[in-house]
Protein backbone atom coordinates (compact mmCIF):
# COMPACT_ATOMS: atom_id res chain seq x y z
CA UNK A 1 -3.32 18.71 18.54
CA UNK A 2 0.18 18.05 19.88
CA UNK A 3 -0.47 14.31 19.56
CA UNK A 4 -1.24 14.62 15.84
CA UNK A 5 1.92 16.69 15.32
CA UNK A 6 4.00 14.16 17.24
CA UNK A 7 2.49 11.38 15.10
CA UNK A 8 3.29 13.32 11.92
CA UNK A 9 6.89 13.93 13.03
CA UNK A 10 7.27 10.22 13.78
CA UNK A 11 5.98 9.31 10.31
CA UNK A 12 8.24 11.84 8.64
CA UNK A 13 11.31 10.69 10.59
CA UNK A 14 10.62 7.04 9.77
CA UNK A 15 10.12 7.86 6.07
CA UNK A 16 13.36 9.88 5.95
CA UNK A 17 15.35 7.09 7.62
CA UNK A 18 13.85 4.41 5.35
CA UNK A 19 14.19 6.55 2.18
CA UNK A 20 10.47 5.89 1.67
CA UNK A 21 9.83 8.35 -1.14
CA UNK A 22 6.28 7.11 -1.62
CA UNK A 23 5.45 8.04 1.95
CA UNK A 24 7.44 11.29 1.76
CA UNK A 25 5.42 12.31 -1.32
CA UNK A 26 2.27 12.24 0.82
CA UNK A 27 3.92 14.09 3.72
CA UNK A 28 5.45 17.00 1.77
CA UNK A 29 3.44 19.83 0.25
CA UNK A 30 3.70 20.30 -3.51
CA UNK A 31 5.66 23.52 -2.98
CA UNK A 32 7.89 22.10 -0.21
CA UNK A 33 11.33 23.68 0.20
CA UNK A 34 14.20 22.35 2.26
CA UNK A 35 17.05 24.65 3.24
CA UNK A 36 20.28 22.87 4.13
CA UNK A 37 22.77 23.94 6.79
CA UNK A 38 25.00 25.52 4.13
CA UNK A 39 22.15 27.60 2.72
CA UNK A 40 21.26 25.55 -0.37
CA UNK A 41 17.56 25.18 -1.20
CA UNK A 42 16.04 21.90 -2.36
CA UNK A 43 12.55 21.95 -3.85
CA UNK A 44 10.33 18.92 -3.31
CA UNK A 45 11.58 16.86 -6.26
CA UNK A 46 15.26 17.43 -5.41
CA UNK A 47 14.55 16.49 -1.77
CA UNK A 48 12.99 13.22 -2.93
CA UNK A 49 15.68 12.55 -5.56
CA UNK A 50 18.39 12.40 -2.86
CA UNK A 51 16.64 9.27 -1.59
CA UNK A 52 15.61 7.81 -4.96
CA UNK A 53 19.18 7.98 -6.27
CA UNK A 54 20.60 6.36 -3.14
CA UNK A 55 22.93 9.35 -2.69
CA UNK A 56 21.50 9.97 0.79
CA UNK A 57 21.46 7.10 3.27
CA UNK A 58 20.51 7.22 6.93
CA UNK A 59 21.43 4.59 9.49
CA UNK A 60 19.48 6.57 12.09
CA UNK A 61 17.29 9.66 11.95
CA UNK A 62 15.46 11.07 14.92
CA UNK A 63 14.09 14.20 16.49
CA UNK A 64 14.61 15.32 20.09
CA UNK A 65 14.11 18.53 22.05
CA UNK A 66 10.91 19.12 20.08
CA UNK A 67 9.14 22.44 20.68
CA UNK A 68 5.89 23.12 18.84
CA UNK A 69 3.89 26.30 18.35
CA UNK A 70 0.51 26.05 16.64
CA UNK A 71 -1.07 28.91 14.72
CA UNK A 72 -4.47 27.75 13.48
CA UNK A 73 -3.83 25.54 10.45
CA UNK A 74 -0.04 25.93 10.71
CA UNK A 75 2.60 24.82 13.19
CA UNK A 76 6.24 25.74 13.65
CA UNK A 77 8.40 23.02 15.14
CA UNK A 78 11.98 23.43 16.33
CA UNK A 79 13.94 20.39 17.35
CA UNK A 80 17.29 18.65 17.39
CA UNK A 81 17.81 16.20 14.52
CA UNK A 82 20.25 13.43 15.41
CA UNK A 83 21.41 11.40 12.43
CA UNK A 84 23.94 8.87 11.28
CA UNK A 85 24.31 8.57 7.57
CA UNK A 86 26.05 9.68 4.42
CA UNK A 87 25.50 11.69 1.27
CA UNK A 88 27.40 10.40 -1.76
CA UNK A 89 29.64 8.46 0.64
CA UNK A 90 30.45 11.45 2.87
CA UNK A 91 29.16 11.57 6.45
CA UNK A 92 26.26 13.93 7.11
CA UNK A 93 26.33 16.16 10.20
CA UNK A 94 25.35 14.14 13.24
CA UNK A 95 23.26 16.93 14.76
CA UNK A 96 21.34 19.79 13.23
CA UNK A 97 18.67 22.13 14.51
CA UNK A 98 15.65 21.97 12.17
CA UNK A 99 12.79 24.41 11.99
CA UNK A 100 9.83 22.71 10.33
CA UNK A 101 6.72 24.45 9.03
CA UNK A 102 3.66 22.21 9.05
CA UNK A 103 0.35 23.13 7.42
CA UNK A 104 -3.08 21.59 7.22
CA UNK A 105 -4.24 21.14 10.78
CA UNK A 106 -4.90 18.24 13.11
CA UNK A 107 -4.85 14.85 11.48
CA UNK A 108 -3.88 16.29 8.09
CA UNK A 109 -0.44 17.80 8.64
CA UNK A 110 2.00 18.18 5.75
CA UNK A 111 5.53 19.53 5.73
CA UNK A 112 5.80 22.80 3.80
CA UNK A 113 9.37 23.73 4.70
CA UNK A 114 12.36 22.70 6.74
CA UNK A 115 15.42 24.78 7.52
CA UNK A 116 18.46 23.02 8.98
CA UNK A 117 21.23 24.71 10.95
CA UNK A 118 24.46 23.23 12.25
CA UNK A 119 24.78 22.89 16.01
CA UNK A 120 28.15 24.35 16.91
CA UNK A 121 30.58 21.91 18.45
CA UNK A 122 28.88 18.74 17.19
CA UNK A 123 30.50 16.22 14.81
CA UNK A 124 30.23 17.37 11.20
CA UNK A 125 29.59 21.02 12.06
CA UNK A 126 32.05 23.77 11.19
CA UNK A 127 34.26 24.87 14.08
CA UNK A 128 32.85 27.32 16.58
CA UNK A 129 33.80 30.76 15.17
CA UNK A 130 35.33 32.05 18.40
CA UNK A 131 37.36 28.85 18.80
CA UNK A 132 38.56 29.01 15.19
CA UNK A 133 39.66 32.63 15.45
CA UNK A 134 41.33 31.97 18.81
CA UNK A 135 43.25 29.00 17.34
CA UNK A 136 44.32 31.16 14.39
CA UNK A 137 45.61 33.84 16.75
CA UNK A 138 47.67 31.28 18.70
CA UNK A 139 49.59 30.18 15.59
């Protein structure tokens, strides 16, 4: 089963990087929801529109540190998402920690949800809270 999940993640990553909305439409569930690192929620159509409009562009998009847990017809994947790209001309965070919820089972996986979190200390992430408060105290 891990092989089919790895294959799905490879297809999804390639579709995200290529802005292949046709492929993404087949990979996302109808009720897909994406939660960004600042807490905003994008339903399926808004997720796809970022690519269709050209507002979101990736030069690279990949997953590493993948950990998968399977629960029957569902899987929860945590990983590191390393990207280079921009949204409306502004750089996107270079590293986030996604949690992906896949449904459907072996050979028929679809992405139902993704939640992205910043990875503290990486380019594009807010400052580490303890470091920010320490710097403020030193002023």
